[in-house]
Amino acid sequence: MLMKPYKRQTGFSLVELMIGLVIGLFILLGVVLVYVSSARTTATNEALSRVQESGRFGMFFLARDIRQAGFKSACQSGVNNLLDESDVAYDDTLFNLDDPITGWDDSASDIADQIPNDLEGSYLRGDVLILKSASTVSGITAKNVTQVQAAAIALNGPSGIPAGTIMFIGNSQGCDLFQKGNNANANSIQRPASGTPGNKSPSTEWSQAYDNTMQIFLFESTAYYIGNGIDGQPALRRASFNTGVAVDEELVNGIEDMQLLYGEDRDGDRTADRYVAAGAVADWDDVVAVQVNLLASSLSTNVIDEVQALPAPWDALADPGDGRLRRVFTTNVGIRNRLP
């Protein structure tokens, strides 16, 4: 019988195996690099989108209230303030509608005690701005004539406005500011002496006798500042004093700083002649515009590798070294009631 020759089985040599492993490692390294680069790009784009969104929202809130500062509808005279100015809770800075805008440089200054001072909401840094107006329509109408000595305004139905809300009524002949005392389901607006800060004696007269065409608005007093956010990061916050007591809320997180310049009309033409910091404002009645500068940062760290060069007013800001993406948002906002 013929024996078939034995055929030895062969495979990869050690050299070939090592070459294959090296090639595989290079391919794997390329895949990893592409993945890391893609993930980093995605993180950076997401951070940029978040920063832009924060900046736009912050500008929206501030611009809206700045434009309406000092709004008194048809009232052309000074406001007849019926709030109790002798009450410890009363602060002219918060409730005097004839002084609708006030600001401070890198300080909460006169209203430091009014801003919540706890882990969430406490003032951190930057400028502080207070704006006051009567631009929110109440949606209610008077039923008949309100005599000059009346302690209440009769309505055509329930007001729907909670007790303690500070109200504004007026027409082209005059206007009054006071605090509502009765409940939302009442068909009238009462003006009692009780409340925070409360009103002067009910016997104190209105600025005039009003007919049923009186305009009824809600008073708004708002302080904007940079404070702690709920996630521990800086945030744009506001404290509202529409009911006499501060109601604080976070508006936009990721806003690290706010710097404001005020446009002063120094020659009476109702246009800004110069922009200055709050401490350099000679007369707040001459402020016709506000330049708002917000510094927004990403919530995620280590999304950029290079040191960013920021424009003014943060051009001298030292690199924090946290790798956060930062952008500066700037706009000029005119106060409509003071412009031509």
C-alpha atoms as a PDB file:
ATOM      1  CA  MET A   1       0.000   0.000   0.000  1.00  0.00           C
ATOM      2  CA  LEU A   2       1.204   3.451  -0.830  1.00  0.00           C
ATOM      3  CA  MET A   3       1.462   5.777   2.112  1.00  0.00           C
ATOM      4  CA  LYS A   4       0.317   9.384   1.572  1.00  0.00           C
ATOM      5  CA  PRO A   5       3.068  11.739   2.539  1.00  0.00           C
ATOM      6  CA  TYR A   6       2.404  13.553   5.804  1.00  0.00           C
ATOM      7  CA  LYS A   7       1.627  17.239   5.198  1.00  0.00           C
ATOM      8  CA  ARG A   8       2.616  19.441   8.106  1.00  0.00           C
ATOM      9  CA  GLN A   9       0.055  22.101   9.135  1.00  0.00           C
ATOM     10  CA  THR A  10       1.358  25.636   9.207  1.00  0.00           C
ATOM     11  CA  GLY A  11       0.074  28.984  10.701  1.00  0.00           C
ATOM     12  CA  PHE A  12       1.268  32.520  11.382  1.00  0.00           C
ATOM     13  CA  SER A  13       4.770  32.909  12.455  1.00  0.00           C
ATOM     14  CA  LEU A  14       5.595  34.919  15.562  1.00  0.00           C
ATOM     15  CA  VAL A  15       6.813  37.796  13.421  1.00  0.00           C
ATOM     16  CA  GLU A  16       3.625  37.799  11.376  1.00  0.00           C
ATOM     17  CA  LEU A  17       1.518  37.705  14.540  1.00  0.00           C
ATOM     18  CA  MET A  18       3.393  40.687  16.021  1.00  0.00           C
ATOM     19  CA  ILE A  19       2.986  42.643  12.802  1.00  0.00           C
ATOM     20  CA  GLY A  20      -0.756  41.904  12.830  1.00  0.00           C
ATOM     21  CA  LEU A  21      -1.049  43.036  16.429  1.00  0.00           C
ATOM     22  CA  VAL A  22       0.760  46.297  15.705  1.00  0.00           C
ATOM     23  CA  ILE A  23      -1.513  46.999  12.730  1.00  0.00           C
ATOM     24  CA  GLY A  24      -4.542  46.215  14.877  1.00  0.00           C
ATOM     25  CA  LEU A  25      -3.321  48.572  17.586  1.00  0.00           C
ATOM     26  CA  PHE A  26      -2.896  51.390  15.076  1.00  0.00           C
ATOM     27  CA  ILE A  27      -6.436  50.818  13.800  1.00  0.00           C
ATOM     28  CA  LEU A  28      -7.791  50.719  17.361  1.00  0.00           C
ATOM     29  CA  LEU A  29      -5.862  53.880  18.227  1.00  0.00           C
ATOM     30  CA  GLY A  30      -7.369  55.639  15.233  1.00  0.00           C
ATOM     31  CA  VAL A  31     -10.869  54.603  16.258  1.00  0.00           C
ATOM     32  CA  VAL A  32     -10.272  55.801  19.821  1.00  0.00           C
ATOM     33  CA  LEU A  33      -8.889  59.138  18.611  1.00  0.00           C
ATOM     34  CA  VAL A  34     -11.889  59.663  16.334  1.00  0.00           C
ATOM     35  CA  TYR A  35     -14.254  58.807  19.188  1.00  0.00           C
ATOM     36  CA  VAL A  36     -12.490  61.097  21.671  1.00  0.00           C
ATOM     37  CA  SER A  37     -12.378  63.922  19.133  1.00  0.00           C
ATOM     38  CA  SER A  38     -16.050  63.462  18.295  1.00  0.00           C
ATOM     39  CA  ALA A  39     -17.020  63.350  21.973  1.00  0.00           C
ATOM     40  CA  ARG A  40     -14.975  66.477  22.707  1.00  0.00           C
ATOM     41  CA  THR A  41     -16.501  68.308  19.747  1.00  0.00           C
ATOM     42  CA  THR A  42     -19.977  67.286  20.856  1.00  0.00           C
ATOM     43  CA  ALA A  43     -19.295  68.472  24.419  1.00  0.00           C
ATOM     44  CA  THR A  44     -17.920  71.790  23.160  1.00  0.00           C
ATOM     45  CA  ASN A  45     -20.866  72.354  20.822  1.00  0.00           C
ATOM     46  CA  GLU A  46     -23.315  71.484  23.581  1.00  0.00           C
ATOM     47  CA  ALA A  47     -21.539  73.866  25.961  1.00  0.00           C
ATOM     48  CA  LEU A  48     -21.586  76.622  23.335  1.00  0.00           C
ATOM     49  CA  SER A  49     -25.308  76.113  22.705  1.00  0.00           C
ATOM     50  CA  ARG A  50     -26.011  76.213  26.438  1.00  0.00           C
ATOM     51  CA  VAL A  51     -23.945  79.366  26.908  1.00  0.00           C
ATOM     52  CA  GLN A  52     -25.673  81.120  24.015  1.00  0.00           C
ATOM     53  CA  GLU A  53     -29.062  80.114  25.351  1.00  0.00           C
ATOM     54  CA  SER A  54     -28.209  81.413  28.824  1.00  0.00           C
ATOM     55  CA  GLY A  55     -26.948  84.699  27.423  1.00  0.00           C
ATOM     56  CA  ARG A  56     -30.045  85.239  25.287  1.00  0.00           C
ATOM     57  CA  PHE A  57     -32.448  84.444  28.124  1.00  0.00           C
ATOM     58  CA  GLY A  58     -30.575  86.711  30.508  1.00  0.00           C
ATOM     59  CA  MET A  59     -30.700  89.573  28.021  1.00  0.00           C
ATOM     60  CA  PHE A  60     -34.398  88.960  27.393  1.00  0.00           C
ATOM     61  CA  PHE A  61     -35.391  89.306  31.051  1.00  0.00           C
ATOM     62  CA  LEU A  62     -33.259  92.381  31.660  1.00  0.00           C
ATOM     63  CA  ALA A  63     -34.134  94.167  28.414  1.00  0.00           C
ATOM     64  CA  ARG A  64     -37.871  93.710  28.928  1.00  0.00           C
ATOM     65  CA  ASP A  65     -37.874  95.300  32.382  1.00  0.00           C
ATOM     66  CA  ILE A  66     -35.393  98.042  31.480  1.00  0.00           C
ATOM     67  CA  ARG A  67     -37.590  99.162  28.572  1.00  0.00           C
ATOM     68  CA  GLN A  68     -40.638  99.395  30.846  1.00  0.00           C
ATOM     69  CA  ALA A  69     -38.907 101.153  33.764  1.00  0.00           C
ATOM     70  CA  GLY A  70     -40.969 104.061  35.032  1.00  0.00           C
ATOM     71  CA  PHE A  71     -44.087 103.204  33.030  1.00  0.00           C
ATOM     72  CA  LYS A  72     -47.126 104.956  34.496  1.00  0.00           C
ATOM     73  CA  SER A  73     -49.558 104.662  31.600  1.00  0.00           C
ATOM     74  CA  ALA A  74     -51.362 107.960  30.957  1.00  0.00           C
ATOM     75  CA  CYS A  75     -50.271 109.535  34.243  1.00  0.00           C
ATOM     76  CA  GLN A  76     -48.140 112.601  33.560  1.00  0.00           C
ATOM     77  CA  SER A  77     -47.719 113.785  37.141  1.00  0.00           C
ATOM     78  CA  GLY A  78     -45.851 112.426  40.118  1.00  0.00           C
ATOM     79  CA  VAL A  79     -47.281 109.373  41.845  1.00  0.00           C
ATOM     80  CA  ASN A  80     -49.392 109.910  44.959  1.00  0.00           C
ATOM     81  CA  ASN A  81     -47.748 107.317  47.214  1.00  0.00           C
ATOM     82  CA  LEU A  82     -50.295 105.942  49.691  1.00  0.00           C
ATOM     83  CA  LEU A  83     -47.964 103.244  51.059  1.00  0.00           C
ATOM     84  CA  ASP A  84     -46.996 103.642  54.703  1.00  0.00           C
ATOM     85  CA  GLU A  85     -43.587 105.301  54.421  1.00  0.00           C
ATOM     86  CA  SER A  86     -43.165 105.153  58.209  1.00  0.00           C
ATOM     87  CA  ASP A  87     -43.317 101.343  58.286  1.00  0.00           C
ATOM     88  CA  VAL A  88     -39.992  99.563  58.895  1.00  0.00           C
ATOM     89  CA  ALA A  89     -40.621  97.431  55.788  1.00  0.00           C
ATOM     90  CA  TYR A  90     -40.893 100.477  53.549  1.00  0.00           C
ATOM     91  CA  ASP A  91     -37.851 101.390  51.470  1.00  0.00           C
ATOM     92  CA  ASP A  92     -38.012 104.285  49.037  1.00  0.00           C
ATOM     93  CA  THR A  93     -35.549 102.491  46.775  1.00  0.00           C
ATOM     94  CA  LEU A  94     -38.018  99.638  46.368  1.00  0.00           C
ATOM     95  CA  PHE A  95     -41.364 101.413  46.223  1.00  0.00           C
ATOM     96  CA  ASN A  96     -40.905 104.926  44.856  1.00  0.00           C
ATOM     97  CA  LEU A  97     -42.172 104.706  41.280  1.00  0.00           C
ATOM     98  CA  ASP A  98     -40.982 108.231  40.526  1.00  0.00           C
ATOM     99  CA  ASP A  99     -37.401 106.884  40.842  1.00  0.00           C
ATOM    100  CA  PRO A 100     -37.744 103.848  38.575  1.00  0.00           C
ATOM    101  CA  ILE A 101     -34.099 102.854  38.131  1.00  0.00           C
ATOM    102  CA  THR A 102     -31.193 102.538  40.557  1.00  0.00           C
ATOM    103  CA  GLY A 103     -27.950 100.599  40.347  1.00  0.00           C
ATOM    104  CA  TRP A 104     -24.800  99.799  42.314  1.00  0.00           C
ATOM    105  CA  ASP A 105     -21.279  98.863  41.223  1.00  0.00           C
ATOM    106  CA  ASP A 106     -20.168  95.390  42.307  1.00  0.00           C
ATOM    107  CA  SER A 107     -22.267  95.632  45.440  1.00  0.00           C
ATOM    108  CA  ALA A 108     -25.766  95.037  46.772  1.00  0.00           C
ATOM    109  CA  SER A 109     -25.275  98.174  48.891  1.00  0.00           C
ATOM    110  CA  ASP A 110     -28.550  99.647  50.169  1.00  0.00           C
ATOM    111  CA  ILE A 111     -30.630  96.542  49.462  1.00  0.00           C
ATOM    112  CA  ALA A 112     -28.188  93.937  50.790  1.00  0.00           C
ATOM    113  CA  ASP A 113     -30.622  93.133  53.599  1.00  0.00           C
ATOM    114  CA  GLN A 114     -33.469  92.667  51.126  1.00  0.00           C
ATOM    115  CA  ILE A 115     -31.715  89.936  49.107  1.00  0.00           C
ATOM    116  CA  PRO A 116     -31.826  86.433  50.604  1.00  0.00           C
ATOM    117  CA  ASN A 117     -28.567  85.640  52.361  1.00  0.00           C
ATOM    118  CA  ASP A 118     -28.379  81.853  52.266  1.00  0.00           C
ATOM    119  CA  LEU A 119     -26.611  79.201  50.227  1.00  0.00           C
ATOM    120  CA  GLU A 120     -29.163  79.511  47.450  1.00  0.00           C
ATOM    121  CA  GLY A 121     -29.749  83.051  46.288  1.00  0.00           C
ATOM    122  CA  SER A 122     -27.142  85.038  48.222  1.00  0.00           C
ATOM    123  CA  TYR A 123     -25.391  87.841  46.360  1.00  0.00           C
ATOM    124  CA  LEU A 124     -22.074  86.755  44.865  1.00  0.00           C
ATOM    125  CA  ARG A 125     -20.602  89.452  42.648  1.00  0.00           C
ATOM    126  CA  GLY A 126     -21.280  91.978  39.926  1.00  0.00           C
ATOM    127  CA  ASP A 127     -23.560  94.973  39.632  1.00  0.00           C
ATOM    128  CA  VAL A 128     -27.073  95.130  41.062  1.00  0.00           C
ATOM    129  CA  LEU A 129     -29.995  96.824  39.318  1.00  0.00           C
ATOM    130  CA  ILE A 130     -33.453  97.768  40.613  1.00  0.00           C
ATOM    131  CA  LEU A 131     -36.265  98.550  38.178  1.00  0.00           C
ATOM    132  CA  LYS A 132     -39.779  99.738  38.999  1.00  0.00           C
ATOM    133  CA  SER A 133     -42.824 100.119  36.757  1.00  0.00           C
ATOM    134  CA  ALA A 134     -46.606  99.763  36.593  1.00  0.00           C
ATOM    135  CA  SER A 135     -46.729  98.058  33.206  1.00  0.00           C
ATOM    136  CA  THR A 136     -48.684  94.876  33.993  1.00  0.00           C
ATOM    137  CA  VAL A 137     -52.374  95.224  33.187  1.00  0.00           C
ATOM    138  CA  SER A 138     -54.571  93.923  35.994  1.00  0.00           C
ATOM    139  CA  GLY A 139     -57.484  92.916  33.763  1.00  0.00           C
ATOM    140  CA  ILE A 140     -60.080  94.397  36.126  1.00  0.00           C
ATOM    141  CA  THR A 141     -62.311  97.456  35.782  1.00  0.00           C
ATOM    142  CA  ALA A 142     -63.963  99.807  38.234  1.00  0.00           C
ATOM    143  CA  LYS A 143     -67.731  99.568  38.625  1.00  0.00           C
ATOM    144  CA  ASN A 144     -68.540 103.186  39.321  1.00  0.00           C
ATOM    145  CA  VAL A 145     -67.089 106.442  40.642  1.00  0.00           C
ATOM    146  CA  THR A 146     -64.510 106.171  43.423  1.00  0.00           C
ATOM    147  CA  GLN A 147     -64.769 109.208  45.657  1.00  0.00           C
ATOM    148  CA  VAL A 148     -61.605 110.962  46.741  1.00  0.00           C
ATOM    149  CA  GLN A 149     -62.027 109.831  50.362  1.00  0.00           C
ATOM    150  CA  ALA A 150     -63.126 106.247  49.587  1.00  0.00           C
ATOM    151  CA  ALA A 151     -61.250 103.386  51.251  1.00  0.00           C
ATOM    152  CA  ALA A 152     -62.158 100.861  48.524  1.00  0.00           C
ATOM    153  CA  ILE A 153     -62.695 100.631  44.768  1.00  0.00           C
ATOM    154  CA  ALA A 154     -65.816  98.753  43.638  1.00  0.00           C
ATOM    155  CA  LEU A 155     -65.220  96.325  40.750  1.00  0.00           C
ATOM    156  CA  ASN A 156     -67.363  94.651  38.103  1.00  0.00           C
ATOM    157  CA  GLY A 157     -66.362  91.228  39.419  1.00  0.00           C
ATOM    158  CA  PRO A 158     -63.811  89.401  41.579  1.00  0.00           C
ATOM    159  CA  SER A 159     -60.366  90.900  41.197  1.00  0.00           C
ATOM    160  CA  GLY A 160     -58.423  87.622  41.153  1.00  0.00           C
ATOM    161  CA  ILE A 161     -55.552  89.542  42.726  1.00  0.00           C
ATOM    162  CA  PRO A 162     -54.102  88.214  46.015  1.00  0.00           C
ATOM    163  CA  ALA A 163     -54.100  90.291  49.163  1.00  0.00           C
ATOM    164  CA  GLY A 164     -50.871  92.209  49.679  1.00  0.00           C
ATOM    165  CA  THR A 165     -50.353  93.025  45.995  1.00  0.00           C
ATOM    166  CA  ILE A 166     -49.193  96.579  45.426  1.00  0.00           C
ATOM    167  CA  MET A 167     -51.501  98.325  42.954  1.00  0.00           C
ATOM    168  CA  PHE A 168     -51.348 101.363  40.702  1.00  0.00           C
ATOM    169  CA  ILE A 169     -54.347 103.324  39.481  1.00  0.00           C
ATOM    170  CA  GLY A 170     -54.367 106.432  37.358  1.00  0.00           C
ATOM    171  CA  ASN A 171     -55.412 108.489  34.364  1.00  0.00           C
ATOM    172  CA  SER A 172     -54.120 111.585  32.617  1.00  0.00           C
ATOM    173  CA  GLN A 173     -54.983 113.708  35.653  1.00  0.00           C
ATOM    174  CA  GLY A 174     -52.994 111.792  38.271  1.00  0.00           C
ATOM    175  CA  CYS A 175     -52.164 108.399  39.776  1.00  0.00           C
ATOM    176  CA  ASP A 176     -51.937 106.559  43.098  1.00  0.00           C
ATOM    177  CA  LEU A 177     -49.880 103.686  44.534  1.00  0.00           C
ATOM    178  CA  PHE A 178     -51.218 101.506  47.366  1.00  0.00           C
ATOM    179  CA  GLN A 179     -51.354  97.956  48.751  1.00  0.00           C
ATOM    180  CA  LYS A 180     -54.415  95.759  48.273  1.00  0.00           C
ATOM    181  CA  GLY A 181     -55.803  94.339  51.505  1.00  0.00           C
ATOM    182  CA  ASN A 182     -58.692  92.014  50.687  1.00  0.00           C
ATOM    183  CA  ASN A 183     -58.829  88.556  49.112  1.00  0.00           C
ATOM    184  CA  ALA A 184     -58.790  87.672  45.415  1.00  0.00           C
ATOM    185  CA  ASN A 185     -62.483  86.673  45.329  1.00  0.00           C
ATOM    186  CA  ALA A 186     -63.724  90.069  46.554  1.00  0.00           C
ATOM    187  CA  ASN A 187     -65.565  92.403  44.165  1.00  0.00           C
ATOM    188  CA  SER A 188     -63.561  95.359  45.372  1.00  0.00           C
ATOM    189  CA  ILE A 189     -60.061  96.560  46.148  1.00  0.00           C
ATOM    190  CA  GLN A 190     -59.707  97.657  49.746  1.00  0.00           C
ATOM    191  CA  ARG A 191     -56.968  99.942  51.021  1.00  0.00           C
ATOM    192  CA  PRO A 192     -56.457  99.082  54.719  1.00  0.00           C
ATOM    193  CA  ALA A 193     -53.666 100.369  56.926  1.00  0.00           C
ATOM    194  CA  SER A 194     -52.453  96.837  57.656  1.00  0.00           C
ATOM    195  CA  GLY A 195     -49.932  94.940  55.532  1.00  0.00           C
ATOM    196  CA  THR A 196     -46.246  94.995  54.664  1.00  0.00           C
ATOM    197  CA  PRO A 197     -45.455  97.819  54.330  1.00  0.00           C
ATOM    198  CA  GLY A 198     -49.180  98.615  54.440  1.00  0.00           C
ATOM    199  CA  ASN A 199     -50.932 101.859  53.627  1.00  0.00           C
ATOM    200  CA  LYS A 200     -51.342 105.190  55.265  1.00  0.00           C
ATOM    201  CA  SER A 201     -54.582 105.761  57.147  1.00  0.00           C
ATOM    202  CA  PRO A 202     -57.665 104.859  55.066  1.00  0.00           C
ATOM    203  CA  SER A 203     -58.780 108.420  55.595  1.00  0.00           C
ATOM    204  CA  THR A 204     -55.871 109.590  53.437  1.00  0.00           C
ATOM    205  CA  GLU A 205     -57.405 110.775  50.183  1.00  0.00           C
ATOM    206  CA  TRP A 206     -56.725 109.608  46.660  1.00  0.00           C
ATOM    207  CA  SER A 207     -55.120 112.130  44.343  1.00  0.00           C
ATOM    208  CA  GLN A 208     -58.563 112.647  42.767  1.00  0.00           C
ATOM    209  CA  ALA A 209     -62.041 111.210  42.434  1.00  0.00           C
ATOM    210  CA  TYR A 210     -61.878 108.479  39.770  1.00  0.00           C
ATOM    211  CA  ASP A 211     -64.643 107.408  37.414  1.00  0.00           C
ATOM    212  CA  ASN A 212     -65.025 103.878  36.071  1.00  0.00           C
ATOM    213  CA  THR A 213     -62.519 104.519  33.262  1.00  0.00           C
ATOM    214  CA  MET A 214     -59.597 104.535  35.686  1.00  0.00           C
ATOM    215  CA  GLN A 215     -56.624 102.399  34.611  1.00  0.00           C
ATOM    216  CA  ILE A 216     -55.652  99.662  37.078  1.00  0.00           C
ATOM    217  CA  PHE A 217     -52.191  98.116  36.893  1.00  0.00           C
ATOM    218  CA  LEU A 218     -49.949  95.919  39.029  1.00  0.00           C
ATOM    219  CA  PHE A 219     -46.840  97.516  40.480  1.00  0.00           C
ATOM    220  CA  GLU A 220     -43.525  95.779  39.788  1.00  0.00           C
ATOM    221  CA  SER A 221     -40.279  96.292  41.701  1.00  0.00           C
ATOM    222  CA  THR A 222     -37.444  93.947  40.760  1.00  0.00           C
ATOM    223  CA  ALA A 223     -33.792  93.662  41.791  1.00  0.00           C
ATOM    224  CA  TYR A 224     -31.469  91.813  39.392  1.00  0.00           C
ATOM    225  CA  TYR A 225     -28.213  90.358  40.697  1.00  0.00           C
ATOM    226  CA  ILE A 226     -25.753  87.473  40.403  1.00  0.00           C
ATOM    227  CA  GLY A 227     -26.251  84.863  43.127  1.00  0.00           C
ATOM    228  CA  ASN A 228     -25.953  81.161  43.814  1.00  0.00           C
ATOM    229  CA  GLY A 229     -27.969  78.824  41.618  1.00  0.00           C
ATOM    230  CA  ILE A 230     -29.677  75.627  42.705  1.00  0.00           C
ATOM    231  CA  ASP A 231     -26.848  73.609  41.129  1.00  0.00           C
ATOM    232  CA  GLY A 232     -24.178  75.534  43.018  1.00  0.00           C
ATOM    233  CA  GLN A 233     -23.118  77.560  39.972  1.00  0.00           C
ATOM    234  CA  PRO A 234     -23.546  81.345  39.648  1.00  0.00           C
ATOM    235  CA  ALA A 235     -26.880  82.419  38.194  1.00  0.00           C
ATOM    236  CA  LEU A 236     -28.793  85.527  37.197  1.00  0.00           C
ATOM    237  CA  ARG A 237     -31.449  85.963  39.877  1.00  0.00           C
ATOM    238  CA  ARG A 238     -34.140  88.470  40.683  1.00  0.00           C
ATOM    239  CA  ALA A 239     -35.909  89.479  43.861  1.00  0.00           C
ATOM    240  CA  SER A 240     -39.405  90.877  43.333  1.00  0.00           C
ATOM    241  CA  PHE A 241     -41.083  93.176  45.847  1.00  0.00           C
ATOM    242  CA  ASN A 242     -44.526  93.343  44.222  1.00  0.00           C
ATOM    243  CA  THR A 243     -46.234  92.280  47.452  1.00  0.00           C
ATOM    244  CA  GLY A 244     -43.969  94.225  49.804  1.00  0.00           C
ATOM    245  CA  VAL A 245     -41.964  91.109  50.712  1.00  0.00           C
ATOM    246  CA  ALA A 246     -39.044  89.804  48.644  1.00  0.00           C
ATOM    247  CA  VAL A 247     -39.828  86.830  46.416  1.00  0.00           C
ATOM    248  CA  ASP A 248     -36.520  85.525  45.098  1.00  0.00           C
ATOM    249  CA  GLU A 249     -36.061  83.251  42.087  1.00  0.00           C
ATOM    250  CA  GLU A 250     -33.360  81.952  39.788  1.00  0.00           C
ATOM    251  CA  LEU A 251     -33.762  83.085  36.186  1.00  0.00           C
ATOM    252  CA  VAL A 252     -30.757  81.740  34.257  1.00  0.00           C
ATOM    253  CA  ASN A 253     -27.952  79.574  35.579  1.00  0.00           C
ATOM    254  CA  GLY A 254     -24.437  79.826  34.219  1.00  0.00           C
ATOM    255  CA  ILE A 255     -24.331  83.654  34.339  1.00  0.00           C
ATOM    256  CA  GLU A 256     -21.103  84.414  36.209  1.00  0.00           C
ATOM    257  CA  ASP A 257     -21.097  88.195  36.253  1.00  0.00           C
ATOM    258  CA  MET A 258     -23.082  91.284  35.265  1.00  0.00           C
ATOM    259  CA  GLN A 259     -21.620  94.696  34.553  1.00  0.00           C
ATOM    260  CA  LEU A 260     -23.822  97.682  33.706  1.00  0.00           C
ATOM    261  CA  LEU A 261     -23.209 101.122  32.238  1.00  0.00           C
ATOM    262  CA  TYR A 262     -25.848 103.850  32.291  1.00  0.00           C
ATOM    263  CA  GLY A 263     -26.515 106.232  29.415  1.00  0.00           C
ATOM    264  CA  GLU A 264     -26.953 109.769  30.703  1.00  0.00           C
ATOM    265  CA  ASP A 265     -28.719 112.540  28.827  1.00  0.00           C
ATOM    266  CA  ARG A 266     -26.789 115.617  29.890  1.00  0.00           C
ATOM    267  CA  ASP A 267     -28.152 118.167  27.406  1.00  0.00           C
ATOM    268  CA  GLY A 268     -31.876 117.442  27.520  1.00  0.00           C
ATOM    269  CA  ASP A 269     -32.253 115.962  24.029  1.00  0.00           C
ATOM    270  CA  ARG A 270     -33.393 112.586  25.464  1.00  0.00           C
ATOM    271  CA  THR A 271     -30.487 110.649  23.978  1.00  0.00           C
ATOM    272  CA  ALA A 272     -27.502 109.242  25.842  1.00  0.00           C
ATOM    273  CA  ASP A 273     -24.421 111.487  25.769  1.00  0.00           C
ATOM    274  CA  ARG A 274     -22.187 109.152  27.773  1.00  0.00           C
ATOM    275  CA  TYR A 275     -22.223 105.742  29.410  1.00  0.00           C
ATOM    276  CA  VAL A 276     -20.902 105.544  32.961  1.00  0.00           C
ATOM    277  CA  ALA A 277     -20.868 103.139  35.891  1.00  0.00           C
ATOM    278  CA  ALA A 278     -23.486 103.531  38.602  1.00  0.00           C
ATOM    279  CA  GLY A 279     -21.136 105.380  40.939  1.00  0.00           C
ATOM    280  CA  ALA A 280     -20.553 108.068  38.295  1.00  0.00           C
ATOM    281  CA  VAL A 281     -24.234 108.761  37.544  1.00  0.00           C
ATOM    282  CA  ALA A 282     -24.875 112.376  38.471  1.00  0.00           C
ATOM    283  CA  ASP A 283     -28.681 112.196  38.350  1.00  0.00           C
ATOM    284  CA  TRP A 284     -30.685 108.984  37.891  1.00  0.00           C
ATOM    285  CA  ASP A 285     -33.478 111.030  36.318  1.00  0.00           C
ATOM    286  CA  ASP A 286     -31.129 111.641  33.377  1.00  0.00           C
ATOM    287  CA  VAL A 287     -30.548 107.943  32.651  1.00  0.00           C
ATOM    288  CA  VAL A 288     -32.223 107.092  29.330  1.00  0.00           C
ATOM    289  CA  ALA A 289     -30.505 103.785  28.486  1.00  0.00           C
ATOM    290  CA  VAL A 290     -28.564 100.926  30.046  1.00  0.00           C
ATOM    291  CA  GLN A 291     -25.680  98.961  28.549  1.00  0.00           C
ATOM    292  CA  VAL A 292     -25.924  95.377  29.791  1.00  0.00           C
ATOM    293  CA  ASN A 293     -22.873  93.100  29.839  1.00  0.00           C
ATOM    294  CA  LEU A 294     -23.295  89.465  30.903  1.00  0.00           C
ATOM    295  CA  LEU A 295     -20.543  86.869  31.303  1.00  0.00           C
ATOM    296  CA  ALA A 296     -21.984  83.408  30.640  1.00  0.00           C
ATOM    297  CA  SER A 297     -20.109  80.154  31.231  1.00  0.00           C
ATOM    298  CA  SER A 298     -20.768  76.508  30.517  1.00  0.00           C
ATOM    299  CA  LEU A 299     -21.888  74.265  33.338  1.00  0.00           C
ATOM    300  CA  SER A 300     -19.491  71.520  32.209  1.00  0.00           C
ATOM    301  CA  THR A 301     -15.784  71.819  32.931  1.00  0.00           C
ATOM    302  CA  ASN A 302     -12.845  70.891  30.692  1.00  0.00           C
ATOM    303  CA  VAL A 303     -14.653  71.503  27.408  1.00  0.00           C
ATOM    304  CA  ILE A 304     -11.867  73.720  26.044  1.00  0.00           C
ATOM    305  CA  ASP A 305      -8.084  73.424  26.211  1.00  0.00           C
ATOM    306  CA  GLU A 306      -6.917  76.919  25.329  1.00  0.00           C
ATOM    307  CA  VAL A 307      -7.137  80.082  27.392  1.00  0.00           C
ATOM    308  CA  GLN A 308      -9.936  82.298  26.093  1.00  0.00           C
ATOM    309  CA  ALA A 309      -9.403  85.958  25.260  1.00  0.00           C
ATOM    310  CA  LEU A 310     -12.571  87.735  26.398  1.00  0.00           C
ATOM    311  CA  PRO A 311     -13.656  91.231  25.305  1.00  0.00           C
ATOM    312  CA  ALA A 312     -14.250  94.139  27.692  1.00  0.00           C
ATOM    313  CA  PRO A 313     -15.258  94.442  30.430  1.00  0.00           C
ATOM    314  CA  TRP A 314     -13.665  91.055  31.181  1.00  0.00           C
ATOM    315  CA  ASP A 315     -10.581  91.444  28.995  1.00  0.00           C
ATOM    316  CA  ALA A 316      -8.355  91.386  32.098  1.00  0.00           C
ATOM    317  CA  LEU A 317     -10.024  88.346  33.678  1.00  0.00           C
ATOM    318  CA  ALA A 318      -7.452  85.761  34.783  1.00  0.00           C
ATOM    319  CA  ASP A 319      -7.919  82.234  33.460  1.00  0.00           C
ATOM    320  CA  PRO A 320      -9.806  80.256  36.152  1.00  0.00           C
ATOM    321  CA  GLY A 321      -8.255  77.041  34.850  1.00  0.00           C
ATOM    322  CA  ASP A 322     -11.524  75.087  34.914  1.00  0.00           C
ATOM    323  CA  GLY A 323     -11.826  74.580  31.152  1.00  0.00           C
ATOM    324  CA  ARG A 324     -15.297  76.146  31.016  1.00  0.00           C
ATOM    325  CA  LEU A 325     -16.440  77.831  27.822  1.00  0.00           C
ATOM    326  CA  ARG A 326     -17.201  81.529  28.379  1.00  0.00           C
ATOM    327  CA  ARG A 327     -18.900  84.164  26.238  1.00  0.00           C
ATOM    328  CA  VAL A 328     -19.649  87.859  26.728  1.00  0.00           C
ATOM    329  CA  PHE A 329     -23.084  89.210  25.762  1.00  0.00           C
ATOM    330  CA  THR A 330     -23.572  92.957  25.347  1.00  0.00           C
ATOM    331  CA  THR A 331     -26.536  95.105  24.376  1.00  0.00           C
ATOM    332  CA  ASN A 332     -27.822  98.645  24.848  1.00  0.00           C
ATOM    333  CA  VAL A 333     -31.437  99.009  26.013  1.00  0.00           C
ATOM    334  CA  GLY A 334     -33.344 102.265  25.909  1.00  0.00           C
ATOM    335  CA  ILE A 335     -35.863 103.239  28.598  1.00  0.00           C
ATOM    336  CA  ARG A 336     -38.915 103.828  26.417  1.00  0.00           C
ATOM    337  CA  ASN A 337     -40.577 106.329  28.745  1.00  0.00           C
ATOM    338  CA  ARG A 338     -37.514 108.589  28.572  1.00  0.00           C
ATOM    339  CA  LEU A 339     -36.668 108.362  24.878  1.00  0.00           C
ATOM    340  CA  PRO A 340     -37.923 110.754  22.171  1.00  0.00           C
END
